[in-house]
Amino acid sequence: MLQTVDEVNEMIRAGQALFLAGDEAVLRALSPGNWIAGTIPYFMDQGGGVCSRDRIFVTPLPECVTAIEVRSNSLSTLPDILKDAPENGFTLLILPAGSPVHAAYARDASSYPGIFAKPVIGWVAGVHVSEIGTKLPQVVNGVTGVWSSEDAVAMHASLPAGKLAEIDTINVFKPGTGPAICFPATGFEAASCQVDGASANFADYLKRSGSDVRFPLTADYNGAVINVCIQSVDQATGVVRFYAPVFEGVEYRLAAPLDDYVGAFESLVDKGEPPMFSCNCVLNYLYSELEGRKTGSATGPMTFGEIANLLLNQTLVRLFIRG
C-alpha cells in the first residue's frame, strides 16, 4: 500500500526487503537498504486510483523468502539476468522507460537464456505524463544507492521447498474486426505498413479510419493476446510511436472498443487470495479514468509497461506465492 517516507524508512531500518515505486523526490529521501525502486507517481491503492507525489507504494517481500540478491544490469549484462536467479524463486525487475535496456528487453527478452523457465515480473518506470520528454525515468538500487536512467535493477528472491512463484496476466482487450496490419520492420516506431495486404502510411490510415488510439494494437502470440500501445501519432512526418515494439511478420489488429474497463476487468479477476505483487498500465489509469475507482482487489503501481517474463502493455500482471 501507499506509505509515507518515514514509514518506509522504518521498514528499511528493520531490515525488510522491499519493492518500491514512487516519485523521484520521495525515493531520494530513503535510507540505503534491501530494496529496489522505480519512479512513477500513479498507483492503484486500496481506496482506488491515485496520483501521489508524496507517498511510496510498498510491496514487502513475504517472510517465506529465504534469501535476496540485488543486481543492476547494463545493456551488456541484461541478457544473462536469469543466471543470477534462484532455481526456486522469482525475479523482480524494473526498467527505465525509453532507455537502451527497455528497448533491448522489449525486443529480445524472448531469446534470453532461461526466460521462460524462471518467473520474472516487474514494470517499466516512468514520470508524470506532464514531464514526458523533459524528465528521465529512474530506477534505484537501494543496496548501493545508485540511481540510473540507463540500466535495469533486479531483486532475485529465493523460496524454500514447498513454495512456488506463479505469474498471472489479465488482458481485457480483444482483437477487433478491422483489417490485418503488418509492419516491415521490428521497432518502437513505424511509418509504412500493410493494411490487408495494401501498402499504406500507418499515421494516415489511423486518421482516415477514425481509429481510437486509446485502444492498442493486438496480436496473437502463441495463443495469447498481446497488446502494443500507441504512444503518439505525428501526422506531419507520418510516424507512429509505440510503448512496445511491433514485430516484423506479425499480424496485428486494433483492439475492439471497450466501453466499461472497470466492469470488464472485474469480470476477469477472481476473488481468491490477493497476489504478492501486481501492477497495471498507466494508460488504463488515464484512458479509463481510474482515479478514485477500484479494479477489484488489485493494487500496485500504474506503469509505463508491465513485465511477465516478456514486456507487455495495457495488461495487469500479478505474482502469487503458492504452497
Protein backbone atom coordinates (compact mmCIF):
# COMPACT_ATOMS: atom_id res chain seq x y z
CA MET A 1 0.00 0.00 0.00
CA LEU A 2 0.99 3.67 -0.13
CA GLN A 3 3.20 4.74 2.77
CA THR A 4 4.95 7.92 3.90
CA VAL A 5 8.73 8.33 3.64
CA ASP A 6 9.06 7.95 7.43
CA GLU A 7 7.05 4.72 7.40
CA VAL A 8 9.14 3.27 4.56
CA ASN A 9 12.42 4.26 6.23
CA GLU A 10 11.28 2.49 9.39
CA MET A 11 10.70 -0.70 7.36
CA ILE A 12 14.12 -0.32 5.72
CA ARG A 13 15.85 0.10 9.09
CA ALA A 14 14.07 -3.04 10.29
CA GLY A 15 15.83 -4.94 7.50
CA GLN A 16 12.78 -5.70 5.38
CA ALA A 17 13.25 -6.47 1.67
CA LEU A 18 11.05 -4.05 -0.28
CA PHE A 19 9.86 -3.49 -3.86
CA LEU A 20 9.08 0.23 -4.17
CA ALA A 21 7.51 2.75 -6.54
CA GLY A 22 7.26 6.49 -6.11
CA ASP A 23 8.03 9.97 -7.36
CA GLU A 24 11.74 10.76 -7.60
CA ALA A 25 11.70 13.30 -4.76
CA VAL A 26 10.32 10.89 -2.16
CA LEU A 27 12.52 7.99 -3.28
CA ARG A 28 15.60 10.19 -2.82
CA ALA A 29 14.64 10.62 0.85
CA LEU A 30 15.00 6.89 1.57
CA SER A 31 17.82 5.26 3.53
CA PRO A 32 20.02 2.58 1.95
CA GLY A 33 18.82 -0.98 2.44
CA ASN A 34 17.40 -4.13 0.91
CA TRP A 35 15.16 -2.51 -1.68
CA ILE A 36 14.82 -1.60 -5.32
CA ALA A 37 12.59 1.09 -6.76
CA GLY A 38 11.42 2.87 -9.88
CA THR A 39 9.92 6.29 -10.45
CA ILE A 40 6.17 6.64 -11.07
CA PRO A 41 3.50 8.84 -9.40
CA TYR A 42 0.43 6.77 -10.40
CA PHE A 43 -0.98 3.97 -8.25
CA MET A 44 -3.93 1.73 -7.61
CA ASP A 45 -4.19 1.88 -3.82
CA GLN A 46 -6.65 0.14 -1.55
CA GLY A 47 -9.02 3.11 -1.83
CA GLY A 48 -8.76 3.38 -5.63
CA GLY A 49 -6.61 5.01 -8.29
CA VAL A 50 -4.49 7.95 -7.17
CA CYS A 51 -1.68 10.20 -8.36
CA SER A 52 0.63 10.89 -5.42
CA ARG A 53 3.93 12.79 -5.27
CA ASP A 54 4.47 12.44 -1.51
CA ARG A 55 3.92 8.73 -0.82
CA ILE A 56 5.60 5.49 -1.87
CA PHE A 57 3.91 2.26 -2.92
CA VAL A 58 5.41 -0.54 -0.85
CA THR A 59 5.43 -4.24 -1.66
CA PRO A 60 7.22 -6.14 1.15
CA LEU A 61 8.65 -9.49 0.19
CA PRO A 62 6.95 -12.33 2.09
CA GLU A 63 8.55 -13.83 5.19
CA CYS A 64 8.98 -17.17 3.41
CA VAL A 65 11.70 -15.68 1.16
CA THR A 66 14.96 -17.26 2.30
CA ALA A 67 17.48 -15.02 0.52
CA ILE A 68 17.62 -12.00 -1.79
CA GLU A 69 20.22 -10.65 -4.17
CA VAL A 70 20.03 -7.17 -5.73
CA ARG A 71 21.75 -6.60 -9.06
CA SER A 72 21.95 -3.72 -11.52
CA ASN A 73 22.03 -4.83 -15.16
CA SER A 74 23.51 -2.90 -18.07
CA LEU A 75 22.72 -3.40 -21.73
CA SER A 76 25.54 -5.96 -21.95
CA THR A 77 24.59 -7.99 -18.85
CA LEU A 78 20.79 -7.90 -19.18
CA PRO A 79 20.57 -10.99 -21.47
CA ASP A 80 22.16 -13.06 -18.68
CA ILE A 81 19.77 -11.83 -15.98
CA LEU A 82 18.48 -15.35 -15.28
CA LYS A 83 21.97 -16.63 -14.43
CA ASP A 84 21.62 -14.84 -11.07
CA ALA A 85 18.06 -16.08 -10.46
CA PRO A 86 17.49 -18.88 -7.93
CA GLU A 87 16.35 -22.32 -9.04
CA ASN A 88 13.20 -21.87 -6.95
CA GLY A 89 12.04 -18.30 -6.51
CA PHE A 90 11.35 -15.23 -8.60
CA THR A 91 12.97 -12.09 -10.01
CA LEU A 92 11.57 -8.58 -9.59
CA LEU A 93 12.73 -6.33 -12.44
CA ILE A 94 12.39 -2.60 -13.17
CA LEU A 95 13.42 -0.96 -16.46
CA PRO A 96 13.58 2.83 -17.02
CA ALA A 97 11.25 3.85 -19.87
CA GLY A 98 12.95 4.96 -23.07
CA SER A 99 16.32 3.53 -22.05
CA PRO A 100 18.50 1.13 -24.07
CA VAL A 101 17.67 -1.70 -21.63
CA HIS A 102 13.95 -1.03 -22.09
CA ALA A 103 14.25 -1.31 -25.86
CA ALA A 104 16.50 -4.37 -25.68
CA TYR A 105 14.29 -6.24 -23.22
CA ALA A 106 11.15 -5.46 -25.22
CA ARG A 107 12.74 -6.64 -28.44
CA ASP A 108 14.92 -9.56 -27.34
CA ALA A 109 13.74 -10.98 -24.00
CA SER A 110 12.11 -14.00 -25.63
CA SER A 111 15.60 -15.18 -26.64
CA TYR A 112 17.24 -14.68 -23.21
CA PRO A 113 18.52 -17.98 -21.77
CA GLY A 114 16.05 -19.38 -19.23
CA ILE A 115 13.49 -16.59 -19.67
CA PHE A 116 10.52 -18.98 -19.64
CA ALA A 117 11.98 -21.34 -17.03
CA LYS A 118 12.05 -18.87 -14.12
CA PRO A 119 9.45 -16.24 -13.13
CA VAL A 120 10.39 -12.64 -13.94
CA ILE A 121 7.86 -9.97 -13.03
CA GLY A 122 8.07 -6.19 -12.81
CA TRP A 123 7.44 -2.96 -14.61
CA VAL A 124 8.76 -0.01 -16.58
CA ALA A 125 9.48 3.14 -14.58
CA GLY A 126 8.08 6.43 -15.81
CA VAL A 127 7.27 10.01 -14.87
CA HIS A 128 4.18 12.19 -14.55
CA VAL A 129 2.67 12.50 -18.03
CA SER A 130 3.28 16.26 -17.94
CA GLU A 131 7.02 15.52 -17.63
CA ILE A 132 7.35 13.09 -20.54
CA GLY A 133 10.20 14.29 -22.71
CA THR A 134 11.59 16.68 -20.08
CA LYS A 135 12.39 14.33 -17.17
CA LEU A 136 14.01 10.91 -17.31
CA PRO A 137 12.50 7.87 -15.58
CA GLN A 138 14.86 6.38 -13.00
CA VAL A 139 15.48 3.10 -11.20
CA VAL A 140 17.26 2.75 -7.86
CA ASN A 141 19.46 0.05 -6.35
CA GLY A 142 18.74 0.55 -2.65
CA VAL A 143 21.72 -1.56 -1.57
CA THR A 144 24.31 0.56 -3.41
CA GLY A 145 22.32 3.80 -3.55
CA VAL A 146 22.94 4.03 -7.30
CA TRP A 147 20.32 5.74 -9.47
CA SER A 148 20.13 5.13 -13.20
CA SER A 149 18.13 6.16 -16.24
CA GLU A 150 20.11 3.71 -18.40
CA ASP A 151 20.37 0.40 -16.51
CA ALA A 152 17.85 -2.07 -15.12
CA VAL A 153 17.64 -3.12 -11.48
CA ALA A 154 16.60 -6.58 -10.29
CA MET A 155 15.93 -8.32 -6.99
CA HIS A 156 16.31 -12.11 -7.07
CA ALA A 157 14.36 -13.85 -4.29
CA SER A 158 14.77 -17.48 -3.21
CA LEU A 159 11.87 -19.60 -1.95
CA PRO A 160 12.03 -22.74 0.19
CA ALA A 161 10.92 -26.16 -0.97
CA GLY A 162 7.13 -26.36 -0.95
CA LYS A 163 6.69 -22.73 -2.09
CA LEU A 164 6.28 -21.74 -5.73
CA ALA A 165 6.11 -18.38 -7.53
CA GLU A 166 3.37 -18.10 -10.18
CA ILE A 167 2.77 -15.23 -12.61
CA ASP A 168 -0.71 -14.38 -13.85
CA THR A 169 -1.76 -11.83 -16.50
CA ILE A 170 -5.14 -10.24 -17.23
CA ASN A 171 -5.79 -8.50 -20.54
CA VAL A 172 -9.25 -7.01 -21.06
CA PHE A 173 -8.61 -6.21 -24.73
CA LYS A 174 -9.51 -8.45 -27.66
CA PRO A 175 -8.71 -8.10 -31.37
CA GLY A 176 -11.28 -6.07 -33.26
CA THR A 177 -12.86 -6.96 -36.58
CA GLY A 178 -10.82 -4.46 -38.59
CA PRO A 179 -8.18 -5.23 -41.21
CA ALA A 180 -4.92 -7.07 -40.56
CA ILE A 181 -1.94 -4.71 -40.17
CA CYS A 182 1.66 -5.80 -40.74
CA PHE A 183 4.89 -3.83 -40.38
CA PRO A 184 8.06 -4.18 -42.48
CA ALA A 185 10.49 -3.94 -39.56
CA THR A 186 10.68 -4.54 -35.81
CA GLY A 187 10.80 -1.38 -33.74
CA PHE A 188 9.21 1.20 -31.43
CA GLU A 189 8.01 3.33 -34.35
CA ALA A 190 6.63 2.82 -37.84
CA ALA A 191 5.53 4.84 -40.83
CA SER A 192 4.86 2.29 -43.57
CA CYS A 193 2.68 -0.77 -43.12
CA GLN A 194 0.47 -3.21 -44.99
CA VAL A 195 -3.28 -2.96 -44.33
CA ASP A 196 -4.93 -6.16 -45.56
CA GLY A 197 -2.01 -6.52 -47.95
CA ALA A 198 -2.15 -2.98 -49.37
CA SER A 199 0.72 -0.54 -48.73
CA ALA A 200 -0.17 2.39 -46.51
CA ASN A 201 1.22 5.02 -44.16
CA PHE A 202 0.13 3.96 -40.68
CA ALA A 203 -0.50 7.51 -39.40
CA ASP A 204 -2.64 8.25 -42.46
CA TYR A 205 -4.55 5.01 -42.01
CA LEU A 206 -5.33 5.78 -38.36
CA LYS A 207 -6.64 9.24 -39.29
CA ARG A 208 -8.57 8.05 -42.35
CA SER A 209 -10.24 5.20 -40.47
CA GLY A 210 -11.06 7.33 -37.42
CA SER A 211 -9.35 4.81 -35.16
CA ASP A 212 -9.40 5.46 -31.41
CA VAL A 213 -5.70 5.28 -30.45
CA ARG A 214 -6.58 4.81 -26.77
CA PHE A 215 -7.07 1.16 -27.70
CA PRO A 216 -3.95 -0.86 -28.51
CA LEU A 217 -2.84 -2.95 -31.42
CA THR A 218 -3.34 -6.61 -30.60
CA ALA A 219 -1.66 -9.76 -31.88
CA ASP A 220 -1.81 -13.48 -31.22
CA TYR A 221 1.49 -14.64 -29.70
CA ASN A 222 1.26 -18.40 -29.42
CA GLY A 223 -2.37 -18.28 -28.34
CA ALA A 224 -2.11 -15.24 -26.04
CA VAL A 225 -3.41 -11.78 -26.99
CA ILE A 226 -0.54 -9.28 -26.61
CA ASN A 227 -1.07 -5.51 -26.74
CA VAL A 228 1.12 -2.83 -28.30
CA CYS A 229 0.06 0.66 -27.19
CA ILE A 230 0.24 3.71 -29.42
CA GLN A 231 2.28 6.48 -27.80
CA SER A 232 1.95 9.22 -30.41
CA VAL A 233 0.86 9.88 -33.99
CA ASP A 234 2.79 12.52 -35.93
CA GLN A 235 0.72 13.44 -38.97
CA ALA A 236 3.43 15.80 -40.25
CA THR A 237 6.06 13.06 -40.51
CA GLY A 238 3.71 10.09 -40.82
CA VAL A 239 5.47 8.34 -37.92
CA VAL A 240 3.59 6.43 -35.21
CA ARG A 241 5.45 5.65 -31.98
CA PHE A 242 4.67 2.74 -29.65
CA TYR A 243 5.23 1.87 -25.98
CA ALA A 244 6.45 -1.60 -27.01
CA PRO A 245 7.89 -2.77 -30.31
CA VAL A 246 5.86 -4.08 -33.21
CA PHE A 247 7.46 -7.11 -34.81
CA GLU A 248 8.12 -7.79 -38.46
CA GLY A 249 5.96 -10.58 -39.83
CA VAL A 250 3.34 -10.42 -37.04
CA GLU A 251 -0.28 -9.70 -37.94
CA TYR A 252 -1.90 -7.00 -35.79
CA ARG A 253 -5.45 -5.71 -35.43
CA LEU A 254 -6.68 -2.72 -33.49
CA ALA A 255 -8.44 -3.81 -30.32
CA ALA A 256 -12.20 -3.88 -30.12
CA PRO A 257 -13.63 -0.80 -28.34
CA LEU A 258 -14.14 -1.18 -24.61
CA ASP A 259 -16.97 0.81 -23.04
CA ASP A 260 -16.58 -0.30 -19.42
CA TYR A 261 -12.98 -1.04 -18.47
CA VAL A 262 -13.65 -1.48 -14.75
CA GLY A 263 -16.55 -3.83 -15.41
CA ALA A 264 -14.56 -5.85 -17.93
CA PHE A 265 -11.63 -6.05 -15.54
CA GLU A 266 -13.69 -7.12 -12.54
CA SER A 267 -15.35 -9.85 -14.57
CA LEU A 268 -11.92 -11.40 -15.19
CA VAL A 269 -10.36 -11.04 -11.74
CA ASP A 270 -11.04 -13.90 -9.39
CA LYS A 271 -11.83 -13.04 -5.79
CA GLY A 272 -9.38 -15.52 -4.29
CA GLU A 273 -6.19 -14.84 -2.36
CA PRO A 274 -4.53 -11.47 -3.03
CA PRO A 275 -1.31 -11.51 -5.03
CA MET A 276 2.07 -10.73 -3.51
CA PHE A 277 2.54 -8.06 -6.17
CA SER A 278 0.59 -6.59 -9.05
CA CYS A 279 0.88 -3.67 -11.45
CA ASN A 280 -1.21 -2.24 -14.24
CA CYS A 281 -0.71 0.17 -17.12
CA VAL A 282 -0.82 3.95 -16.70
CA LEU A 283 -2.77 4.16 -19.98
CA ASN A 284 -5.55 2.12 -18.39
CA TYR A 285 -5.43 4.59 -15.46
CA LEU A 286 -5.67 7.61 -17.77
CA TYR A 287 -7.95 6.39 -20.55
CA SER A 288 -10.38 4.60 -18.23
CA GLU A 289 -10.38 7.44 -15.69
CA LEU A 290 -9.48 5.17 -12.78
CA GLU A 291 -8.72 7.94 -10.28
CA GLY A 292 -10.78 7.11 -7.21
CA ARG A 293 -12.06 3.87 -8.79
CA LYS A 294 -11.02 0.33 -7.89
CA THR A 295 -10.11 -2.56 -10.18
CA GLY A 296 -11.10 -5.46 -7.97
CA SER A 297 -8.58 -6.27 -5.25
CA ALA A 298 -5.54 -5.48 -7.42
CA THR A 299 -3.25 -2.75 -6.09
CA GLY A 300 0.17 -1.53 -7.18
CA PRO A 301 1.94 0.98 -9.42
CA MET A 302 0.36 2.08 -12.70
CA THR A 303 3.29 1.80 -15.06
CA PHE A 304 4.80 2.55 -18.47
CA GLY A 305 4.92 -1.18 -19.24
CA GLU A 306 4.43 -4.44 -17.42
CA ILE A 307 6.79 -7.43 -17.23
CA ALA A 308 5.56 -11.02 -17.07
CA ASN A 309 8.73 -12.66 -18.37
CA LEU A 310 8.16 -10.62 -21.56
CA LEU A 311 7.30 -6.92 -21.82
CA LEU A 312 3.56 -6.23 -22.01
CA ASN A 313 1.32 -3.16 -22.49
CA GLN A 314 -2.08 -2.28 -21.02
CA THR A 315 -2.09 -5.55 -19.09
CA LEU A 316 -2.43 -6.37 -15.39
CA VAL A 317 0.30 -8.69 -14.13
CA ARG A 318 0.24 -10.45 -10.77
CA LEU A 319 2.63 -12.57 -8.74
CA PHE A 320 1.32 -15.24 -6.39
CA ILE A 321 3.31 -17.34 -3.93
CA ARG A 322 1.70 -20.77 -3.79
CA GLY A 323 2.11 -23.55 -1.25
